[in-house]
Protein backbone atom coordinates (compact mmCIF):
# COMPACT_ATOMS: atom_id res chain seq x y z
CA UNK A 1 334.12 257.20 -19.78
CA UNK A 2 333.21 254.11 -21.81
CA UNK A 3 332.65 252.04 -18.62
CA UNK A 4 330.31 254.73 -17.25
CA UNK A 5 328.33 254.73 -20.50
CA UNK A 6 328.02 250.92 -20.50
CA UNK A 7 326.88 250.90 -16.86
CA UNK A 8 324.30 253.58 -17.61
CA UNK A 9 322.88 251.57 -20.51
CA UNK A 10 322.66 248.46 -18.30
CA UNK A 11 320.78 250.38 -15.61
CA UNK A 12 318.36 251.85 -18.17
CA UNK A 13 317.69 248.42 -19.62
CA UNK A 14 317.09 246.83 -16.23
CA UNK A 15 314.72 249.56 -15.07
CA UNK A 16 312.75 249.19 -18.30
CA UNK A 17 311.84 245.57 -17.56
CA UNK A 18 309.92 245.59 -14.30
CA UNK A 19 307.87 242.69 -12.95
CA UNK A 20 304.52 241.30 -14.02
CA UNK A 21 301.98 241.30 -11.21
CA UNK A 22 298.76 239.30 -11.47
CA UNK A 23 295.27 239.90 -10.15
CA UNK A 24 292.24 237.60 -10.48
CA UNK A 25 289.09 236.96 -8.49
CA UNK A 26 290.39 233.53 -7.46
CA UNK A 27 293.49 235.08 -5.86
CA UNK A 28 294.05 236.56 -2.42
CA UNK A 29 295.15 240.00 -1.31
CA UNK A 30 297.45 238.28 1.15
CA UNK A 31 299.37 236.86 -1.81
CA UNK A 32 302.45 238.40 -3.41
CA UNK A 33 301.01 239.17 -6.86
CA UNK A 34 302.91 236.50 -8.74
CA UNK A 35 301.25 234.26 -11.30
CA UNK A 36 301.28 231.47 -8.72
CA UNK A 37 299.95 233.71 -5.93
CA UNK A 38 297.84 236.47 -7.55
CA UNK A 39 296.02 239.23 -5.75
CA UNK A 40 292.21 239.27 -5.64
CA UNK A 41 291.45 242.99 -6.15
CA UNK A 42 292.61 245.71 -8.49
CA UNK A 43 292.75 248.06 -5.51
CA UNK A 44 295.41 245.85 -3.88
CA UNK A 45 297.33 245.61 -7.15
CA UNK A 46 297.57 249.37 -7.75
CA UNK A 47 298.58 249.96 -4.12
CA UNK A 48 301.30 247.30 -4.16
CA UNK A 49 303.00 247.76 -7.54
CA UNK A 50 305.88 250.13 -8.27
CA UNK A 51 307.77 251.51 -11.27
CA UNK A 52 308.09 249.84 -13.78
CA UNK A 53 305.77 246.95 -12.90
CA UNK A 54 302.92 245.73 -15.11
CA UNK A 55 299.55 244.66 -13.71
CA UNK A 56 297.98 241.73 -15.58
CA UNK A 57 294.18 241.77 -15.29
CA UNK A 58 292.53 238.37 -14.85
CA UNK A 59 288.93 237.16 -14.69
CA UNK A 60 285.98 238.03 -12.47
CA UNK A 61 287.20 241.42 -11.22
CA UNK A 62 285.06 244.31 -9.96
CA UNK A 63 285.88 247.96 -9.22
CA UNK A 64 283.64 249.56 -6.61
CA UNK A 65 285.59 252.82 -6.12
CA UNK A 66 288.43 254.69 -7.81
CA UNK A 67 291.72 252.79 -8.18
CA UNK A 68 294.74 255.10 -8.54
CA UNK A 69 297.60 253.79 -10.68
CA UNK A 70 301.11 255.14 -10.02
CA UNK A 71 303.26 256.70 -12.77
CA UNK A 72 305.38 254.13 -14.55
CA UNK A 73 302.99 251.24 -13.84
CA UNK A 74 301.24 249.68 -16.85
CA UNK A 75 297.93 247.81 -16.84
CA UNK A 76 297.32 245.02 -19.36
CA UNK A 77 294.10 243.11 -19.98
CA UNK A 78 294.00 239.41 -20.79
CA UNK A 79 290.55 239.19 -22.39
CA UNK A 80 288.35 239.43 -19.28
CA UNK A 81 285.93 242.26 -18.48
CA UNK A 82 286.22 244.47 -15.40
CA UNK A 83 282.79 245.04 -13.88
CA UNK A 84 282.61 248.66 -12.63
CA UNK A 85 279.85 249.06 -10.07
CA UNK A 86 280.95 252.30 -8.37
CA UNK A 87 279.73 255.79 -9.23
CA UNK A 88 283.15 257.50 -9.51
CA UNK A 89 285.92 257.39 -12.08
CA UNK A 90 287.20 253.85 -12.03
CA UNK A 91 290.79 253.40 -13.22
CA UNK A 92 292.62 256.67 -12.51
CA UNK A 93 296.09 257.63 -13.72
CA UNK A 94 296.25 260.95 -11.90
CA UNK A 95 298.88 263.40 -10.67
CA UNK A 96 298.47 266.80 -9.02
CA UNK A 97 301.15 268.34 -11.26
CA UNK A 98 302.41 267.40 -14.72
CA UNK A 99 304.31 264.11 -14.38
CA UNK A 100 305.86 261.64 -16.81
CA UNK A 101 303.55 258.63 -16.89
CA UNK A 102 305.64 256.40 -19.15
CA UNK A 103 302.98 253.73 -18.96
CA UNK A 104 300.67 251.67 -21.16
CA UNK A 105 297.02 250.71 -20.72
CA UNK A 106 296.25 247.90 -23.13
CA UNK A 107 293.57 245.35 -23.85
CA UNK A 108 291.22 246.25 -21.00
CA UNK A 109 287.47 245.55 -21.20
CA UNK A 110 285.56 247.85 -18.83
CA UNK A 111 281.79 247.59 -18.26
CA UNK A 112 280.26 250.65 -16.56
CA UNK A 113 276.68 249.36 -16.09
CA UNK A 114 275.43 252.96 -16.45
CA UNK A 115 276.72 253.67 -12.94
CA UNK A 116 280.35 254.67 -13.30
CA UNK A 117 281.32 258.30 -14.01
CA UNK A 118 284.16 257.31 -16.37
CA UNK A 119 286.18 254.24 -17.29
CA UNK A 120 289.84 255.25 -17.81
CA UNK A 121 290.75 258.69 -16.46
CA UNK A 122 294.22 260.23 -16.99
CA UNK A 123 295.17 263.58 -15.42
CA UNK A 124 298.44 265.52 -15.72
CA UNK A 125 300.41 262.58 -17.17
CA UNK A 126 302.80 262.74 -20.13
CA UNK A 127 303.55 259.72 -22.32
CA UNK A 128 300.56 257.53 -21.55
CA UNK A 129 299.47 255.05 -24.23
CA UNK A 130 295.93 253.66 -24.22
CA UNK A 131 295.33 251.03 -26.88
CA UNK A 132 293.09 248.13 -27.81
CA UNK A 133 290.72 248.74 -24.89
CA UNK A 134 286.92 248.40 -24.87
CA UNK A 135 285.08 250.83 -22.59
CA UNK A 136 281.29 250.77 -22.56
CA UNK A 137 278.18 252.01 -20.76
CA UNK A 138 279.60 254.74 -18.52
CA UNK A 139 277.50 257.77 -17.62
CA UNK A 140 279.64 260.77 -18.59
CA UNK A 141 282.96 259.68 -20.13
CA UNK A 142 284.63 256.53 -21.39
CA UNK A 143 288.31 257.42 -21.85
CA UNK A 144 289.52 260.81 -20.60
CA UNK A 145 292.89 262.58 -20.87
CA UNK A 146 292.43 265.66 -18.72
CA UNK A 147 294.47 268.76 -17.97
CA UNK A 148 292.71 270.98 -15.41
CA UNK A 149 294.71 274.03 -16.54
CA UNK A 150 294.33 276.04 -19.75
CA UNK A 151 298.01 276.67 -20.48
CA UNK A 152 298.92 277.72 -24.00
CA UNK A 153 300.91 275.93 -25.22
CA UNK A 154 299.64 272.89 -23.27
CA UNK A 155 302.19 271.30 -20.92
CA UNK A 156 301.09 267.67 -21.31
CA UNK A 157 302.59 265.84 -24.29
CA UNK A 158 303.35 262.55 -25.94
CA UNK A 159 300.15 260.58 -25.26
CA UNK A 160 298.66 258.01 -27.65
CA UNK A 161 295.04 256.80 -27.84
CA UNK A 162 294.81 254.07 -30.45
CA UNK A 163 292.51 251.27 -31.65
CA UNK A 164 290.06 251.51 -28.75
CA UNK A 165 286.29 250.98 -28.72
CA UNK A 166 284.24 253.40 -26.61
CA UNK A 167 280.53 252.64 -26.66
CA UNK A 168 277.63 254.57 -25.11
CA UNK A 169 279.66 256.58 -22.61
CA UNK A 170 278.42 260.18 -22.62
CA UNK A 171 275.34 262.30 -22.08
CA UNK A 172 274.89 265.91 -23.14
CA UNK A 173 275.07 268.93 -20.82
CA UNK A 174 274.93 266.84 -17.67
CA UNK A 175 277.07 268.07 -14.74
CA UNK A 176 280.65 267.01 -15.43
CA UNK A 177 279.85 265.57 -18.82
CA UNK A 178 282.40 265.62 -21.57
CA UNK A 179 282.67 263.19 -24.41
CA UNK A 180 282.77 259.44 -24.63
CA UNK A 181 286.39 260.11 -25.64
CA UNK A 182 287.41 263.39 -23.98
CA UNK A 183 290.83 265.00 -24.49
CA UNK A 184 291.90 268.36 -22.98
CA UNK A 185 295.12 270.35 -22.69
CA UNK A 186 297.46 268.15 -24.76
CA UNK A 187 300.16 268.64 -27.38
CA UNK A 188 301.94 266.18 -29.65
CA UNK A 189 299.14 263.65 -29.18
CA UNK A 190 298.08 260.86 -31.55
CA UNK A 191 294.45 259.67 -31.62
CA UNK A 192 294.17 256.93 -34.24
CA UNK A 193 291.92 254.06 -35.24
CA UNK A 194 289.39 254.44 -32.43
CA UNK A 195 285.73 253.48 -32.78
CA UNK A 196 283.46 255.68 -30.65
CA UNK A 197 279.68 255.28 -30.71
CA UNK A 198 277.05 257.01 -28.60
CA UNK A 199 273.54 255.66 -28.88
CA UNK A 200 270.44 257.66 -28.04
CA UNK A 201 269.23 257.33 -24.45
CA UNK A 202 265.52 257.56 -23.83
CA UNK A 203 264.76 260.51 -21.55
CA UNK A 204 268.32 261.86 -21.80
CA UNK A 205 270.26 263.77 -24.45
CA UNK A 206 272.98 261.91 -26.31
CA UNK A 207 276.46 263.28 -25.55
CA UNK A 208 279.51 263.87 -27.72
CA UNK A 209 281.31 260.88 -29.16
CA UNK A 210 284.57 262.90 -29.12
CA UNK A 211 285.23 266.16 -27.32
CA UNK A 212 288.51 268.07 -27.13
CA UNK A 213 289.84 271.43 -26.02
CA UNK A 214 293.21 273.21 -25.96
CA UNK A 215 295.03 270.85 -28.30
CA UNK A 216 298.25 271.67 -30.17
CA UNK A 217 300.05 269.50 -32.73
CA UNK A 218 297.36 266.83 -32.50
CA UNK A 219 296.51 264.19 -35.10
CA UNK A 220 293.09 262.52 -35.17
CA UNK A 221 293.46 259.88 -37.88
CA UNK A 222 291.24 257.04 -39.16
CA UNK A 223 288.77 257.21 -36.27
CA UNK A 224 285.03 256.59 -36.35
CA UNK A 225 282.93 258.99 -34.26
CA UNK A 226 279.19 258.31 -34.45
CA UNK A 227 275.93 259.40 -32.85
CA UNK A 228 273.20 256.82 -33.44
CA UNK A 229 269.56 257.64 -32.75
CA UNK A 230 268.05 261.05 -32.17
CA UNK A 231 265.98 263.06 -29.71
CA UNK A 232 263.09 264.79 -31.51
CA UNK A 233 263.30 267.68 -29.04
CA UNK A 234 267.07 268.16 -29.39
CA UNK A 235 268.19 268.82 -32.93
CA UNK A 236 271.94 269.19 -32.37
CA UNK A 237 273.35 265.67 -32.41
CA UNK A 238 277.04 266.41 -31.79
CA UNK A 239 279.46 263.67 -32.73
CA UNK A 240 282.61 265.82 -32.39
CA UNK A 241 283.32 269.08 -30.62
CA UNK A 242 286.83 270.55 -30.92
CA UNK A 243 287.15 273.66 -28.71
CA UNK A 244 289.90 276.29 -28.45
CA UNK A 245 292.32 274.65 -30.87
CA UNK A 246 295.84 276.04 -30.49
CA UNK A 247 297.35 275.18 -33.88
CA UNK A 248 298.44 272.12 -35.80
CA UNK A 249 295.22 270.21 -35.09
CA UNK A 250 294.45 267.73 -37.87
CA UNK A 251 291.46 265.48 -38.54
CA UNK A 252 292.43 263.00 -41.23
CA UNK A 253 290.45 260.12 -42.79
CA UNK A 254 287.89 260.07 -39.98
CA UNK A 255 284.27 258.93 -40.31
CA UNK A 256 281.91 261.26 -38.45
CA UNK A 257 278.17 260.65 -38.11
CA UNK A 258 276.62 263.67 -36.44
CA UNK A 259 277.63 267.33 -36.16
CA UNK A 260 281.36 268.16 -36.28
CA UNK A 261 281.69 271.39 -34.26
CA UNK A 262 284.90 273.45 -34.32
CA UNK A 263 284.29 276.05 -31.64
CA UNK A 264 285.56 277.98 -28.64
CA UNK A 265 286.80 281.42 -27.72
CA UNK A 266 289.68 281.03 -30.18
CA UNK A 267 290.35 278.18 -32.61
CA UNK A 268 293.21 278.42 -35.10
CA UNK A 269 295.19 276.15 -37.34
CA UNK A 270 292.72 273.28 -37.89
CA UNK A 271 292.69 271.06 -40.98
CA UNK A 272 289.98 268.54 -41.87
CA UNK A 273 290.73 266.31 -44.84
CA UNK A 274 289.87 262.91 -46.25
CA UNK A 275 286.89 262.57 -43.90
CA UNK A 276 283.37 261.27 -44.51
CA UNK A 277 280.90 263.40 -42.56
CA UNK A 278 277.12 263.20 -42.33
CA UNK A 279 274.55 260.40 -42.25
CA UNK A 280 273.96 257.18 -44.17
CA UNK A 281 270.70 258.59 -45.61
CA UNK A 282 268.93 261.94 -45.61
CA UNK A 283 267.03 262.56 -42.36
CA UNK A 284 264.10 264.71 -41.27
CA UNK A 285 266.28 266.63 -38.77
CA UNK A 286 268.02 269.95 -39.38
CA UNK A 287 271.53 268.57 -39.10
CA UNK A 288 274.89 270.15 -39.95
CA UNK A 289 278.04 268.49 -41.25
CA UNK A 290 280.81 270.88 -40.13
CA UNK A 291 279.97 273.85 -37.89
CA UNK A 292 282.63 276.57 -37.44
CA UNK A 293 281.43 278.38 -34.35
CA UNK A 294 283.50 281.49 -33.54
CA UNK A 295 282.84 282.88 -30.07
CA UNK A 296 285.82 285.22 -30.47
CA UNK A 297 288.07 284.13 -33.34
CA UNK A 298 288.25 281.21 -35.73
CA UNK A 299 291.04 281.41 -38.28
CA UNK A 300 293.36 279.48 -40.57
CA UNK A 301 290.92 276.63 -41.17
CA UNK A 302 291.46 274.23 -44.07
CA UNK A 303 288.67 271.86 -45.12
CA UNK A 304 289.55 269.76 -48.16
CA UNK A 305 289.13 266.37 -49.85
CA UNK A 306 286.12 265.47 -47.70
CA UNK A 307 282.72 263.97 -48.49
CA UNK A 308 279.86 265.64 -46.60
CA UNK A 309 276.50 264.05 -47.28
CA UNK A 310 272.84 263.70 -46.29
CA UNK A 311 272.65 266.82 -44.10
CA UNK A 312 270.60 270.01 -44.16
CA UNK A 313 273.69 272.25 -43.83
CA UNK A 314 276.91 270.74 -45.17
CA UNK A 315 279.08 273.49 -43.65
CA UNK A 316 278.16 276.56 -41.67
CA UNK A 317 280.21 279.19 -39.90
CA UNK A 318 279.01 281.76 -37.44
CA UNK A 319 280.88 284.60 -35.73
CA UNK A 320 278.81 284.68 -32.55
CA UNK A 321 279.41 287.96 -30.70
CA UNK A 322 280.16 291.66 -31.36
CA UNK A 323 283.67 291.95 -32.80
CA UNK A 324 284.10 288.19 -33.26
CA UNK A 325 285.88 287.13 -36.42
CA UNK A 326 286.01 284.22 -38.86
CA UNK A 327 288.94 284.60 -41.25
CA UNK A 328 291.28 282.74 -43.59
CA UNK A 329 288.92 279.84 -44.18
CA UNK A 330 289.83 277.62 -47.12
CA UNK A 331 287.26 275.11 -48.44
CA UNK A 332 288.41 273.12 -51.46
CA UNK A 333 288.14 269.78 -53.30
CA UNK A 334 285.17 268.60 -51.24
CA UNK A 335 282.02 266.82 -52.36
CA UNK A 336 278.81 268.07 -50.74
CA UNK A 337 276.12 265.60 -51.78
CA UNK A 338 272.38 265.08 -51.24
CA UNK A 339 272.02 268.35 -49.35
CA UNK A 340 268.60 269.02 -47.83
CA UNK A 341 266.09 267.61 -45.39
CA UNK A 342 263.22 265.16 -45.68
CA UNK A 343 259.73 266.65 -45.76
CA UNK A 344 260.84 270.30 -45.55
CA UNK A 345 262.07 272.72 -48.22
CA UNK A 346 265.37 273.75 -46.68
CA UNK A 347 269.07 273.14 -47.10
CA UNK A 348 272.42 274.77 -47.82
CA UNK A 349 275.78 273.53 -49.00
CA UNK A 350 277.57 276.37 -47.21
CA UNK A 351 275.72 278.77 -44.93
CA UNK A 352 277.07 281.65 -42.86
CA UNK A 353 275.44 284.15 -40.57
CA UNK A 354 276.81 286.64 -38.06
CA UNK A 355 275.05 287.22 -34.78
CA UNK A 356 276.18 290.85 -34.59
CA UNK A 357 276.47 293.72 -37.07
CA UNK A 358 280.10 294.19 -35.91
CA UNK A 359 281.12 290.55 -36.40
CA UNK A 360 283.57 289.99 -39.27
CA UNK A 361 283.95 287.34 -41.99
CA UNK A 362 286.88 287.80 -44.33
CA UNK A 363 289.30 285.97 -46.60
CA UNK A 364 287.12 282.96 -47.41
CA UNK A 365 288.02 280.79 -50.42
CA UNK A 366 285.57 278.18 -51.76
CA UNK A 367 287.33 276.48 -54.66
CA UNK A 368 287.06 273.26 -56.72
CA UNK A 369 284.14 271.70 -54.83
CA UNK A 370 281.15 269.68 -56.04
CA UNK A 371 277.70 270.64 -54.68
CA UNK A 372 274.77 268.26 -55.33
CA UNK A 373 271.31 268.97 -53.92
CA UNK A 374 268.70 266.49 -52.78
CA UNK A 375 265.76 266.21 -55.18
CA UNK A 376 262.32 267.82 -54.82
CA UNK A 377 263.50 270.54 -52.44
CA UNK A 378 262.41 273.96 -53.71
CA UNK A 379 264.33 276.08 -51.19
CA UNK A 380 267.72 274.42 -51.24
CA UNK A 381 270.75 276.66 -52.02
CA UNK A 382 274.39 275.77 -52.62
CA UNK A 383 276.10 278.81 -51.05
CA UNK A 384 274.49 281.44 -48.85
CA UNK A 385 276.83 284.39 -48.41
CA UNK A 386 277.34 285.67 -44.86
CA UNK A 387 274.78 288.15 -43.61
CA UNK A 388 274.16 290.23 -40.48
CA UNK A 389 277.90 290.97 -40.29
CA UNK A 390 280.79 292.66 -42.14
CA UNK A 391 282.12 290.58 -45.05
CA UNK A 392 285.16 291.12 -47.26
CA UNK A 393 287.25 289.15 -49.75
CA UNK A 394 284.93 286.21 -50.39
CA UNK A 395 285.88 283.96 -53.33
CA UNK A 396 283.83 281.24 -55.08
CA UNK A 397 285.80 279.67 -57.93
CA UNK A 398 285.92 276.49 -60.06
CA UNK A 399 283.00 274.79 -58.33
CA UNK A 400 280.34 272.54 -59.86
CA UNK A 401 276.87 273.31 -58.47
CA UNK A 402 273.81 271.35 -59.57
CA UNK A 403 270.20 270.75 -58.54
CA UNK A 404 269.71 273.65 -56.13
CA UNK A 405 266.19 274.76 -56.96
CA UNK A 406 266.29 278.09 -55.12
CA UNK A 407 269.56 279.39 -56.61
CA UNK A 408 273.23 278.40 -56.74
CA UNK A 409 274.30 281.44 -54.65
CA UNK A 410 272.27 283.88 -52.58
CA UNK A 411 272.64 286.74 -50.14
CA UNK A 412 270.30 286.99 -47.19
CA UNK A 413 269.51 289.64 -44.69
CA UNK A 414 268.20 293.06 -45.59
CA UNK A 415 271.19 294.89 -44.20
CA UNK A 416 272.47 297.96 -46.09
CA UNK A 417 274.28 297.64 -49.39
CA UNK A 418 278.02 297.34 -48.94
CA UNK A 419 278.19 294.93 -46.02
CA UNK A 420 279.59 292.39 -48.47
CA UNK A 421 282.57 294.05 -50.13
CA UNK A 422 284.79 292.12 -52.51
CA UNK A 423 283.05 289.06 -54.00
CA UNK A 424 284.54 286.84 -56.71
CA UNK A 425 282.31 284.32 -58.56
CA UNK A 426 284.54 282.89 -61.27
CA UNK A 427 284.87 279.85 -63.57
CA UNK A 428 282.12 277.81 -61.90
CA UNK A 429 279.70 275.38 -63.57
CA UNK A 430 276.05 276.01 -62.65
CA UNK A 431 273.66 273.37 -63.95
CA UNK A 432 269.99 272.64 -63.18
CA UNK A 433 269.70 275.30 -60.47
CA UNK A 434 266.93 277.81 -59.83
CA UNK A 435 266.90 281.51 -60.72
CA UNK A 436 268.27 280.69 -64.18
CA UNK A 437 271.55 279.48 -62.63
CA UNK A 438 272.22 283.05 -61.51
CA UNK A 439 272.97 284.39 -58.02
CA UNK A 440 269.97 285.77 -56.15
CA UNK A 441 270.41 288.94 -54.11
CA UNK A 442 267.90 289.04 -51.27
CA UNK A 443 268.06 292.39 -49.52
CA UNK A 444 271.66 293.36 -50.18
CA UNK A 445 273.81 293.54 -53.29
CA UNK A 446 277.54 293.00 -52.74
CA UNK A 447 279.93 295.73 -53.86
CA UNK A 448 283.05 295.17 -55.96
CA UNK A 449 281.80 291.96 -57.61
CA UNK A 450 283.76 289.92 -60.12
CA UNK A 451 281.30 287.55 -61.82
CA UNK A 452 282.97 286.04 -64.86
CA UNK A 453 283.77 282.85 -66.71
CA UNK A 454 280.90 280.83 -65.24
CA UNK A 455 279.23 278.14 -67.36
CA UNK A 456 275.46 278.00 -67.00
CA UNK A 457 273.45 275.02 -68.18
CA UNK A 458 274.86 272.29 -70.39
CA UNK A 459 275.25 268.63 -69.53
CA UNK A 460 277.01 267.45 -66.40
CA UNK A 461 278.42 263.93 -66.39
CA UNK A 462 279.86 262.49 -63.21
CA UNK A 463 282.76 260.05 -63.64
CA UNK A 464 283.71 257.97 -60.58
């Protein structure tokens, strides 16, 4: 038994080594891929390597059509850019069914020249690591991990996307567009330390920096997702869209410039914490920090310890359709600062509206936050209670709200009394707000209100 075990360990070790195969523009496809006799094209390299070989990318290489990399084969860059002149996906790690990839893509520099569809495209592969790559100037996507199915729970697992730069690689609502970094149908995935920037394209709408759907047990940590520039005719500048989250999806310590949209038919179990969201300065565009967009259900959302700044709406949530529901939403320990818009009297710290009289908002807790308005904005409000829908069990407690010239809290709408049932406003500090630091009821007065222990006026001193 011991001899069998030793032999097995030897075989595992040997199969884990593989051979290094080299490709450079000064080589020849009639060579054998060694360092002394490298191949000349990436196409030849991916056709000729086998598990568990590693392809070493040399200088002067061009991809003119898709190159399909086998499972178990890794691709490593050596500091030289790959010029991608074709119109398709370029480096493809694809399988028809879910397959163990067990491969690494590292250190590549890929230039799309605004021709290529995507740079690195992975489909139906488990255990693929993409790290330290630079992917820039592709039309629709930069790095993609794609699952064509919508299985819940997702079948693809164990992938890592870490310390990459993805620059100017997505446009909005174009056929086949996704995000500059686009992840679908994955579980147990780590996305860490990536820098993703989409710049505005004249005559075209800027796409998502990061887009995901059907994720489970996913960690997005210490990334930077930014939209730079703006289309005057297109006010939604989406940096992040996370659709149909399946539970255990966490955004931690990320920097997000542009709208962060949590959406889909059903999104549950999402936490956002330690993030900086918004813009460097206040803009003249009606921008949102975090947008909870419930097409059917959005539930069990935790938003805490974030800074959301320089936006018109710091956080908004919207049950979109008849019977749709937003529930168990916990918003605590955040700082919402400089809320408003340049040149227009408008702005909300938290804003909610239902698109149907049968939509539901319930079990919302807004605790221990700081709300600071921009100056000179006569219509800015800290918290606008949900309207045009059915609301119950809405709690606002232990918050500091200052500078909101309209009122600290309002209701909107004009719908019948009783559509907001069960409101707690307790132990908050209201200072320098309009309406005498009191809530303002426009159209409807909530039923079963607890309004107690709130401090109005006084001196607020911020200690950093």
